[in-house]
Protein backbone atom coordinates (compact mmCIF):
# COMPACT_ATOMS: atom_id res chain seq x y z
CA UNK A 1 -0.02 -0.04 -0.01
CA UNK A 2 1.44 3.36 -1.16
CA UNK A 3 1.57 6.26 1.23
CA UNK A 4 -1.37 8.60 0.48
CA UNK A 5 -1.04 12.04 -0.92
CA UNK A 6 -3.32 15.06 -0.41
CA UNK A 7 -6.12 15.10 -3.01
CA UNK A 8 -5.81 17.92 -5.56
CA UNK A 9 -8.60 20.53 -5.55
CA UNK A 10 -9.53 21.40 -9.12
CA UNK A 11 -12.34 23.47 -10.70
CA UNK A 12 -14.28 23.49 -13.94
CA UNK A 13 -16.76 25.95 -15.44
CA UNK A 14 -20.15 24.57 -16.39
CA UNK A 15 -22.05 25.63 -19.50
CA UNK A 16 -24.23 27.80 -17.17
CA UNK A 17 -21.13 29.82 -16.35
CA UNK A 18 -21.05 28.51 -12.72
CA UNK A 19 -17.79 27.06 -11.32
CA UNK A 20 -17.79 23.70 -9.45
CA UNK A 21 -14.86 22.17 -7.57
CA UNK A 22 -13.82 18.55 -7.63
CA UNK A 23 -11.05 16.44 -6.07
CA UNK A 24 -8.55 14.45 -8.02
CA UNK A 25 -6.65 11.75 -6.05
CA UNK A 26 -5.53 8.08 -5.94
CA UNK A 27 -7.38 5.58 -3.76
CA UNK A 28 -4.73 3.76 -1.83
CA UNK A 29 -6.93 0.65 -1.57
CA UNK A 30 -7.33 0.13 -5.31
CA UNK A 31 -4.53 2.20 -6.69
CA UNK A 32 -7.16 3.79 -8.93
CA UNK A 33 -7.47 7.43 -9.75
CA UNK A 34 -10.71 9.01 -8.49
CA UNK A 35 -12.61 12.22 -9.12
CA UNK A 36 -15.16 13.51 -6.70
CA UNK A 37 -17.36 16.51 -7.36
CA UNK A 38 -17.86 18.56 -4.18
CA UNK A 39 -19.78 21.71 -4.99
CA UNK A 40 -19.54 25.36 -5.79
CA UNK A 41 -17.43 26.39 -2.69
CA UNK A 42 -13.69 26.04 -2.80
CA UNK A 43 -13.56 25.96 0.95
CA UNK A 44 -15.80 22.89 1.04
CA UNK A 45 -13.59 21.08 -1.47
CA UNK A 46 -10.44 21.84 0.65
CA UNK A 47 -12.15 20.60 3.78
CA UNK A 48 -13.21 17.45 1.93
CA UNK A 49 -9.71 16.83 0.59
CA UNK A 50 -8.36 17.02 4.11
CA UNK A 51 -11.02 14.48 5.33
CA UNK A 52 -10.16 12.02 2.54
CA UNK A 53 -6.41 12.45 3.18
CA UNK A 54 -6.90 11.74 6.89
CA UNK A 55 -9.02 8.74 6.17
CA UNK A 56 -6.41 7.28 3.75
CA UNK A 57 -3.61 8.00 6.25
CA UNK A 58 -5.60 6.18 8.97
CA UNK A 59 -5.67 3.09 6.76
CA UNK A 60 -2.01 3.45 5.80
CA UNK A 61 -0.88 3.41 9.49
CA UNK A 62 -3.17 0.63 10.38
CA UNK A 63 -6.03 2.44 12.24
CA UNK A 64 -9.14 1.65 10.31
CA UNK A 65 -11.25 1.49 13.47
CA UNK A 66 -11.20 5.30 13.71
CA UNK A 67 -12.07 5.71 10.06
CA UNK A 68 -14.36 8.63 9.60
CA UNK A 69 -16.22 7.74 12.77
CA UNK A 70 -17.33 11.32 13.23
CA UNK A 71 -19.49 11.35 10.10
CA UNK A 72 -23.15 11.69 11.11
CA UNK A 73 -26.15 10.27 9.34
CA UNK A 74 -27.22 13.69 8.28
CA UNK A 75 -23.69 14.51 7.01
CA UNK A 76 -23.71 11.31 4.89
CA UNK A 77 -27.03 12.08 3.39
CA UNK A 78 -26.20 15.70 2.62
CA UNK A 79 -22.91 14.73 1.02
CA UNK A 80 -24.66 12.09 -1.13
CA UNK A 81 -27.15 14.57 -2.52
CA UNK A 82 -24.37 17.04 -3.25
CA UNK A 83 -22.73 14.33 -5.35
CA UNK A 84 -25.87 13.82 -7.35
CA UNK A 85 -26.24 17.43 -8.44
CA UNK A 86 -26.52 17.49 -12.25
CA UNK A 87 -26.45 13.63 -12.44
CA UNK A 88 -30.08 12.88 -11.77
CA UNK A 89 -33.32 14.43 -12.97
CA UNK A 90 -35.28 16.55 -10.60
CA UNK A 91 -37.91 13.91 -10.42
CA UNK A 92 -35.37 11.29 -9.31
CA UNK A 93 -33.80 13.66 -6.82
CA UNK A 94 -37.23 14.27 -5.28
CA UNK A 95 -37.84 10.55 -5.07
CA UNK A 96 -34.49 9.94 -3.40
CA UNK A 97 -35.26 12.81 -0.84
CA UNK A 98 -38.50 11.07 0.19
CA UNK A 99 -36.54 7.84 0.78
CA UNK A 100 -33.85 9.76 2.69
CA UNK A 101 -36.53 11.39 4.90
CA UNK A 102 -38.10 8.04 5.71
CA UNK A 103 -34.70 6.79 6.77
CA UNK A 104 -33.67 9.79 8.81
CA UNK A 105 -37.04 10.19 10.53
CA UNK A 106 -37.11 6.42 11.44
CA UNK A 107 -33.63 6.60 12.84
CA UNK A 108 -34.48 9.74 14.83
CA UNK A 109 -37.76 8.28 16.22
CA UNK A 110 -36.65 4.69 16.93
CA UNK A 111 -32.81 4.73 17.39
CA UNK A 112 -32.26 8.26 18.52
CA UNK A 113 -28.91 7.53 20.25
CA UNK A 114 -27.39 6.36 16.86
CA UNK A 115 -26.17 9.52 15.26
CA UNK A 116 -22.98 8.36 13.46
CA UNK A 117 -23.30 6.63 10.03
CA UNK A 118 -20.69 4.07 11.17
CA UNK A 119 -23.00 2.90 14.00
CA UNK A 120 -25.87 1.86 11.73
CA UNK A 121 -26.50 -1.86 11.78
CA UNK A 122 -28.27 -4.02 9.24
CA UNK A 123 -30.99 -4.80 11.84
CA UNK A 124 -31.94 -1.06 11.99
CA UNK A 125 -32.51 -0.97 8.25
CA UNK A 126 -34.53 -4.13 8.33
CA UNK A 127 -36.66 -2.62 10.97
CA UNK A 128 -37.15 0.43 8.78
CA UNK A 129 -38.28 -1.64 5.86
CA UNK A 130 -40.60 -3.76 8.12
CA UNK A 131 -42.07 -0.49 9.40
CA UNK A 132 -42.71 0.74 5.89
CA UNK A 133 -44.25 -2.50 4.85
CA UNK A 134 -46.66 -2.45 7.84
CA UNK A 135 -47.64 1.14 6.76
CA UNK A 136 -48.80 -0.27 3.38
CA UNK A 137 -45.89 0.10 1.05
CA UNK A 138 -45.88 -2.25 -1.93
CA UNK A 139 -42.92 -4.59 -2.50
CA UNK A 140 -41.89 -2.58 -5.54
CA UNK A 141 -41.74 0.61 -3.53
CA UNK A 142 -39.83 -1.18 -0.66
CA UNK A 143 -37.24 -2.37 -3.10
CA UNK A 144 -36.81 1.16 -4.38
CA UNK A 145 -36.23 2.27 -0.73
CA UNK A 146 -33.73 -0.54 -0.31
CA UNK A 147 -31.94 0.29 -3.50
CA UNK A 148 -31.51 3.89 -2.36
CA UNK A 149 -30.09 2.77 0.97
CA UNK A 150 -27.57 0.49 -0.76
CA UNK A 151 -26.60 3.39 -3.05
CA UNK A 152 -26.34 5.72 -0.09
CA UNK A 153 -23.95 3.39 1.89
CA UNK A 154 -22.01 2.37 -1.14
CA UNK A 155 -21.30 6.09 -1.66
CA UNK A 156 -20.27 6.31 2.03
CA UNK A 157 -17.64 3.52 1.39
CA UNK A 158 -16.41 5.04 -1.82
CA UNK A 159 -15.83 8.35 -0.11
CA UNK A 160 -14.19 6.72 2.84
CA UNK A 161 -16.96 7.67 5.25
CA UNK A 162 -17.54 3.98 6.01
CA UNK A 163 -15.79 0.67 6.00
CA UNK A 164 -18.80 -1.41 5.00
CA UNK A 165 -22.46 -1.21 4.10
CA UNK A 166 -25.19 -2.31 6.54
CA UNK A 167 -27.59 -2.64 3.58
CA UNK A 168 -25.54 -4.84 1.33
CA UNK A 169 -26.84 -8.20 2.50
CA UNK A 170 -30.48 -7.20 2.78
CA UNK A 171 -32.46 -9.28 0.32
CA UNK A 172 -35.03 -7.56 -1.88
CA UNK A 173 -38.71 -8.10 -1.53
CA UNK A 174 -40.51 -10.51 -3.97
CA UNK A 175 -42.58 -8.47 -6.43
CA UNK A 176 -45.70 -9.70 -8.07
CA UNK A 177 -45.54 -8.35 -11.56
CA UNK A 178 -48.78 -6.86 -12.81
CA UNK A 179 -49.66 -5.79 -16.28
CA UNK A 180 -49.44 -2.06 -16.40
CA UNK A 181 -52.75 -0.54 -17.54
CA UNK A 182 -52.42 2.21 -20.17
CA UNK A 183 -55.14 4.73 -20.18
CA UNK A 184 -55.58 6.86 -23.22
CA UNK A 185 -58.15 8.97 -25.08
CA UNK A 186 -59.80 8.06 -28.34
CA UNK A 187 -59.46 10.23 -31.33
CA UNK A 188 -63.00 11.57 -30.73
CA UNK A 189 -62.16 12.31 -27.16
CA UNK A 190 -59.07 14.21 -28.12
CA UNK A 191 -61.14 16.28 -30.60
CA UNK A 192 -63.69 16.94 -27.74
CA UNK A 193 -60.89 17.99 -25.30
CA UNK A 194 -59.27 20.33 -27.84
CA UNK A 195 -62.64 21.96 -28.53
CA UNK A 196 -63.37 22.43 -24.82
CA UNK A 197 -60.12 24.00 -23.51
CA UNK A 198 -59.71 27.75 -23.70
CA UNK A 199 -58.11 29.04 -26.90
CA UNK A 200 -54.72 29.86 -25.25
CA UNK A 201 -54.28 26.30 -24.21
CA UNK A 202 -55.41 24.40 -27.34
CA UNK A 203 -52.06 24.53 -29.27
CA UNK A 204 -50.26 23.36 -26.11
CA UNK A 205 -52.41 20.29 -25.70
CA UNK A 206 -52.48 19.57 -29.44
CA UNK A 207 -48.71 19.79 -29.63
CA UNK A 208 -48.48 17.27 -26.77
CA UNK A 209 -50.68 14.95 -28.74
CA UNK A 210 -48.52 15.23 -31.83
CA UNK A 211 -45.20 14.91 -30.07
CA UNK A 212 -45.71 12.73 -26.96
CA UNK A 213 -43.44 15.17 -24.95
CA UNK A 214 -43.50 15.01 -21.17
CA UNK A 215 -44.94 18.06 -19.38
CA UNK A 216 -41.58 19.30 -18.35
CA UNK A 217 -40.08 18.81 -21.74
CA UNK A 218 -42.83 20.99 -23.28
CA UNK A 219 -42.58 23.75 -20.65
CA UNK A 220 -38.74 24.04 -21.01
CA UNK A 221 -38.77 23.81 -24.80
CA UNK A 222 -36.98 26.86 -26.32
CA UNK A 223 -36.90 28.16 -29.88
CA UNK A 224 -33.22 27.19 -30.05
CA UNK A 225 -34.40 23.55 -29.67
CA UNK A 226 -36.62 23.76 -32.75
CA UNK A 227 -35.79 23.45 -36.42
CA UNK A 228 -38.80 24.23 -38.72
CA UNK A 229 -36.91 24.66 -42.09
CA UNK A 230 -35.68 22.02 -44.36
CA UNK A 231 -37.02 18.55 -45.23
CA UNK A 232 -36.78 17.16 -41.61
CA UNK A 233 -38.34 19.54 -39.14
CA UNK A 234 -37.60 18.41 -35.59
CA UNK A 235 -37.14 19.52 -32.05
CA UNK A 236 -34.43 18.57 -29.58
CA UNK A 237 -35.15 17.54 -25.96
CA UNK A 238 -32.12 18.51 -24.01
CA UNK A 239 -31.05 19.82 -20.57
CA UNK A 240 -31.00 23.46 -19.71
CA UNK A 241 -28.99 25.29 -17.08
CA UNK A 242 -31.96 25.18 -14.59
CA UNK A 243 -33.54 21.85 -15.76
CA UNK A 244 -32.50 18.30 -16.86
CA UNK A 245 -34.46 15.69 -18.72
CA UNK A 246 -35.86 12.69 -16.92
CA UNK A 247 -33.34 10.25 -18.45
CA UNK A 248 -30.43 12.87 -18.50
CA UNK A 249 -30.21 12.17 -22.20
CA UNK A 250 -30.74 14.13 -25.34
CA UNK A 251 -33.18 13.00 -28.15
CA UNK A 252 -34.45 14.43 -31.38
CA UNK A 253 -38.32 14.27 -32.08
CA UNK A 254 -39.42 14.67 -35.70
CA UNK A 255 -42.28 17.11 -36.22
CA UNK A 256 -45.33 16.24 -38.15
CA UNK A 257 -46.80 18.81 -40.61
CA UNK A 258 -49.49 19.68 -38.07
CA UNK A 259 -46.87 20.21 -35.33
CA UNK A 260 -44.98 22.55 -37.64
CA UNK A 261 -48.18 24.48 -38.27
CA UNK A 262 -48.85 24.78 -34.56
CA UNK A 263 -45.32 26.16 -33.86
CA UNK A 264 -45.50 28.50 -36.92
CA UNK A 265 -48.69 30.01 -35.56
CA UNK A 266 -47.25 30.94 -32.21
CA UNK A 267 -46.06 34.45 -31.37
CA UNK A 268 -42.70 34.61 -29.66
CA UNK A 269 -42.73 36.13 -26.15
CA UNK A 270 -40.57 39.18 -25.50
CA UNK A 271 -40.14 37.99 -21.92
CA UNK A 272 -38.29 34.71 -22.60
CA UNK A 273 -37.08 32.23 -25.21
CA UNK A 274 -39.42 29.42 -24.35
CA UNK A 275 -41.72 28.19 -27.13
CA UNK A 276 -44.89 28.14 -25.01
CA UNK A 277 -46.03 30.89 -22.65
CA UNK A 278 -48.65 31.25 -19.95
CA UNK A 279 -51.75 33.41 -20.54
CA UNK A 280 -49.90 36.52 -19.26
CA UNK A 281 -46.82 35.94 -21.42
CA UNK A 282 -44.59 34.38 -18.80
CA UNK A 283 -43.52 30.78 -18.35
CA UNK A 284 -46.11 28.05 -18.46
CA UNK A 285 -46.76 27.00 -14.82
CA UNK A 286 -47.14 23.20 -14.44
CA UNK A 287 -50.11 23.58 -12.14
CA UNK A 288 -51.93 25.78 -14.55
CA UNK A 289 -51.57 23.43 -17.47
CA UNK A 290 -52.84 20.66 -15.16
CA UNK A 291 -55.83 22.62 -13.88
CA UNK A 292 -56.88 23.73 -17.39
CA UNK A 293 -56.91 20.11 -18.54
CA UNK A 294 -58.86 18.92 -15.44
CA UNK A 295 -61.48 21.64 -15.95
CA UNK A 296 -62.06 20.41 -19.53
CA UNK A 297 -62.16 16.77 -18.57
CA UNK A 298 -64.69 17.42 -15.82
CA UNK A 299 -66.94 19.23 -18.40
CA UNK A 300 -66.70 16.20 -20.73
CA UNK A 301 -67.05 13.55 -18.11
CA UNK A 302 -63.63 12.23 -18.80
CA UNK A 303 -60.66 11.30 -16.57
CA UNK A 304 -56.96 11.64 -17.04
CA UNK A 305 -53.96 14.00 -16.56
CA UNK A 306 -51.35 15.83 -18.53
CA UNK A 307 -49.26 12.67 -18.86
CA UNK A 308 -52.11 10.81 -20.61
CA UNK A 309 -51.38 12.94 -23.73
CA UNK A 310 -48.09 10.98 -23.91
CA UNK A 311 -49.90 7.64 -23.53
CA UNK A 312 -52.43 8.74 -26.14
CA UNK A 313 -49.68 9.70 -28.50
CA UNK A 314 -47.93 6.31 -28.20
CA UNK A 315 -51.17 4.24 -28.21
CA UNK A 316 -52.49 5.85 -31.41
CA UNK A 317 -49.19 5.28 -33.13
CA UNK A 318 -49.15 1.56 -32.22
CA UNK A 319 -52.71 1.00 -33.14
CA UNK A 320 -51.81 2.49 -36.60
CA UNK A 321 -49.09 -0.06 -37.04
CA UNK A 322 -46.03 1.73 -35.97
CA UNK A 323 -43.44 -0.52 -34.53
CA UNK A 324 -42.72 -0.50 -30.81
CA UNK A 325 -38.97 0.19 -31.32
CA UNK A 326 -39.82 3.30 -33.23
CA UNK A 327 -42.39 4.44 -30.63
CA UNK A 328 -39.77 3.76 -27.89
CA UNK A 329 -37.30 6.07 -29.59
CA UNK A 330 -39.86 8.80 -30.11
CA UNK A 331 -40.80 8.65 -26.43
CA UNK A 332 -37.16 8.65 -25.21
CA UNK A 333 -37.57 5.51 -23.23
CA UNK A 334 -34.34 4.17 -21.69
CA UNK A 335 -35.30 0.63 -22.94
CA UNK A 336 -37.83 -0.89 -25.13
CA UNK A 337 -39.16 -2.90 -22.08
CA UNK A 338 -40.80 0.41 -20.97
CA UNK A 339 -42.67 0.61 -24.30
CA UNK A 340 -43.97 -3.01 -24.14
CA UNK A 341 -47.03 -1.82 -22.16
CA UNK A 342 -48.39 -0.68 -25.50
CA UNK A 343 -47.89 -4.06 -27.23
CA UNK A 344 -51.39 -5.35 -26.70
CA UNK A 345 -52.78 -2.33 -28.75
CA UNK A 346 -51.25 -3.84 -31.93
CA UNK A 347 -53.15 -7.27 -32.30
CA UNK A 348 -53.40 -7.02 -36.05
CA UNK A 349 -49.66 -6.12 -36.31
CA UNK A 350 -48.74 -9.09 -34.12
CA UNK A 351 -51.01 -11.36 -36.18
CA UNK A 352 -49.25 -10.37 -39.42
CA UNK A 353 -45.96 -11.20 -37.84
CA UNK A 354 -46.73 -14.73 -36.73
CA UNK A 355 -48.34 -15.43 -40.16
CA UNK A 356 -44.91 -14.84 -41.82
CA UNK A 357 -43.91 -18.39 -40.94
CA UNK A 358 -44.62 -21.00 -43.63
CA UNK A 359 -46.56 -24.13 -43.27
CA UNK A 360 -44.00 -26.84 -43.22
CA UNK A 361 -46.32 -29.95 -43.43
């Protein structure tokens, strides 16, 4: 084992113009080079560098029992979320925050004397999961909670806060897989909804129907993301300085002739560069788009939400014979397995496929 050296504090400038600091060092356990993003404060990075150096030095001189013992549960959680900045979507971060709150509140209420992360035992986490199960959580959600805990403690080991993970050997819950129901509107229902919403909102909902965008993707779409000229009009779904896509990836969505017409008819707001605006010319508020749709659905005796436009887009394409792989790419799904919930809507397409095999007798 080589004698450790102090991690280097480095900085980089993000596309937003903000500066973030990270550490560059060699882990003496694996002899591998590591980079750890700390945050926007140089002082925090310098403090973290000293902590990592002290930890590696403790290992080097043979004192692992004192390793990072002062790190509290709250410190571990806070450091974990700092490390996820810019790496996960806002939706994922919010989900992780819920899991973290469950964990921290349970420890505070049931094991209040345990404050250090190194003092957490496997039995405490099993008690937490049992508590959540008794409260009515489904196995799928419990496994999501468990995966978060494993991720949290793995991070603690990687950053030398901990020697081992109390969550590592906890077995996942058995899940009963259920066919996911897909709710969508018929073409007649779509026409009725578009005829019922107020004029300002009609192009917004019709554009959702013709593109399958998520609500957040539509709200944050800018004119720089759109190409209306040429033979292949399209839009790009990509992260912004203040927003990231759900999958942290970029995709291109072709625009139909009707989608092009809708965009061409819009007046650009002098207040911002986003494609769609609220009634007063500012940003589209996610609650207002939801409330407008709910009002129209109530008048028509229909049910659904804004995300159902996405299901309707995909369902109508599949029913018209568009392949699932193509639909998956248009939706920006991370894998085609996520798109398989629409497979039952293409019975004729599947029938044609199986009839391709010849009679051999």
